Amino acid sequence: MEKPADVAKAVWEAVDQRKKEVVVGSANVSIASHRLIPGAMQALFRRTFKLQDSWK
């Protein structure tokens, strides 16, 4: 879990640099993994959160 001060700093920098999106701390790993191996990450999330595909 990220410290509130770290999140605030990241948000402030994003506002200052007019960024549309902010990713803080460990979320970077999750996003990078999903971009590299999306199918495996979806399966992991489904198992972790006990979700099912909506198309089945």
C-alpha atoms as a PDB file:
ATOM      1  CA  MET A   1       0.000   0.000   0.000  1.00  0.00           C
ATOM      2  CA  GLU A   2       1.265   3.429  -0.898  1.00  0.00           C
ATOM      3  CA  LYS A   3       1.745   6.181   1.643  1.00  0.00           C
ATOM      4  CA  PRO A   4      -0.674   9.096   1.317  1.00  0.00           C
ATOM      5  CA  ALA A   5       2.250  11.504   0.932  1.00  0.00           C
ATOM      6  CA  ASP A   6       3.557   9.519  -2.060  1.00  0.00           C
ATOM      7  CA  VAL A   7       0.139   9.529  -3.709  1.00  0.00           C
ATOM      8  CA  ALA A   8      -0.289  13.249  -3.077  1.00  0.00           C
ATOM      9  CA  LYS A   9       3.134  13.970  -4.566  1.00  0.00           C
ATOM     10  CA  ALA A  10       2.371  11.893  -7.678  1.00  0.00           C
ATOM     11  CA  VAL A  11      -0.979  13.621  -8.162  1.00  0.00           C
ATOM     12  CA  TRP A  12       0.543  17.056  -7.645  1.00  0.00           C
ATOM     13  CA  GLU A  13       3.281  16.334 -10.214  1.00  0.00           C
ATOM     14  CA  ALA A  14       0.669  15.083 -12.685  1.00  0.00           C
ATOM     15  CA  VAL A  15      -1.380  18.255 -12.257  1.00  0.00           C
ATOM     16  CA  ASP A  16       1.720  20.399 -12.574  1.00  0.00           C
ATOM     17  CA  GLN A  17       2.758  18.595 -15.772  1.00  0.00           C
ATOM     18  CA  ARG A  18      -0.834  18.407 -17.087  1.00  0.00           C
ATOM     19  CA  LYS A  19      -0.871  14.629 -17.295  1.00  0.00           C
ATOM     20  CA  LYS A  20      -4.183  12.882 -17.859  1.00  0.00           C
ATOM     21  CA  GLU A  21      -3.295   9.743 -15.940  1.00  0.00           C
ATOM     22  CA  VAL A  22      -1.359   8.953 -12.767  1.00  0.00           C
ATOM     23  CA  VAL A  23      -0.035   5.546 -11.734  1.00  0.00           C
ATOM     24  CA  VAL A  24       1.504   5.293  -8.297  1.00  0.00           C
ATOM     25  CA  GLY A  25       3.819   2.697  -6.783  1.00  0.00           C
ATOM     26  CA  SER A  26       2.959  -0.978  -7.098  1.00  0.00           C
ATOM     27  CA  ALA A  27       0.227  -0.272  -9.646  1.00  0.00           C
ATOM     28  CA  ASN A  28       3.039   0.149 -12.193  1.00  0.00           C
ATOM     29  CA  VAL A  29       3.902  -3.547 -11.893  1.00  0.00           C
ATOM     30  CA  SER A  30       0.299  -4.610 -12.416  1.00  0.00           C
ATOM     31  CA  ILE A  31      -0.131  -2.392 -15.473  1.00  0.00           C
ATOM     32  CA  ALA A  32       3.157  -3.514 -17.030  1.00  0.00           C
ATOM     33  CA  SER A  33       2.298  -7.169 -16.442  1.00  0.00           C
ATOM     34  CA  HIS A  34      -1.135  -6.741 -17.984  1.00  0.00           C
ATOM     35  CA  ARG A  35       0.390  -5.127 -21.075  1.00  0.00           C
ATOM     36  CA  LEU A  36       2.946  -7.939 -21.483  1.00  0.00           C
ATOM     37  CA  ILE A  37       0.763 -10.944 -20.671  1.00  0.00           C
ATOM     38  CA  PRO A  38      -2.892  -9.838 -20.632  1.00  0.00           C
ATOM     39  CA  GLY A  39      -4.428 -13.322 -20.729  1.00  0.00           C
ATOM     40  CA  ALA A  40      -2.401 -14.579 -17.779  1.00  0.00           C
ATOM     41  CA  MET A  41      -3.165 -11.462 -15.747  1.00  0.00           C
ATOM     42  CA  GLN A  42      -6.896 -11.744 -16.450  1.00  0.00           C
ATOM     43  CA  ALA A  43      -6.842 -15.363 -15.307  1.00  0.00           C
ATOM     44  CA  LEU A  44      -4.950 -14.363 -12.164  1.00  0.00           C
ATOM     45  CA  PHE A  45      -7.438 -11.578 -11.373  1.00  0.00           C
ATOM     46  CA  ARG A  46     -10.379 -13.906 -11.989  1.00  0.00           C
ATOM     47  CA  ARG A  47      -8.938 -16.491  -9.615  1.00  0.00           C
ATOM     48  CA  THR A  48      -7.942 -13.919  -7.018  1.00  0.00           C
ATOM     49  CA  PHE A  49     -11.295 -12.140  -6.964  1.00  0.00           C
ATOM     50  CA  LYS A  50     -13.401 -15.215  -7.881  1.00  0.00           C
ATOM     51  CA  LEU A  51     -14.792 -13.592 -11.011  1.00  0.00           C
ATOM     52  CA  GLN A  52     -16.232 -15.271 -14.086  1.00  0.00           C
ATOM     53  CA  ASP A  53     -16.193 -14.278 -17.736  1.00  0.00           C
ATOM     54  CA  SER A  54     -19.323 -12.325 -18.647  1.00  0.00           C
ATOM     55  CA  TRP A  55     -19.415 -13.854 -22.131  1.00  0.00           C
ATOM     56  CA  LYS A  56     -19.917 -17.439 -20.932  1.00  0.00           C
END
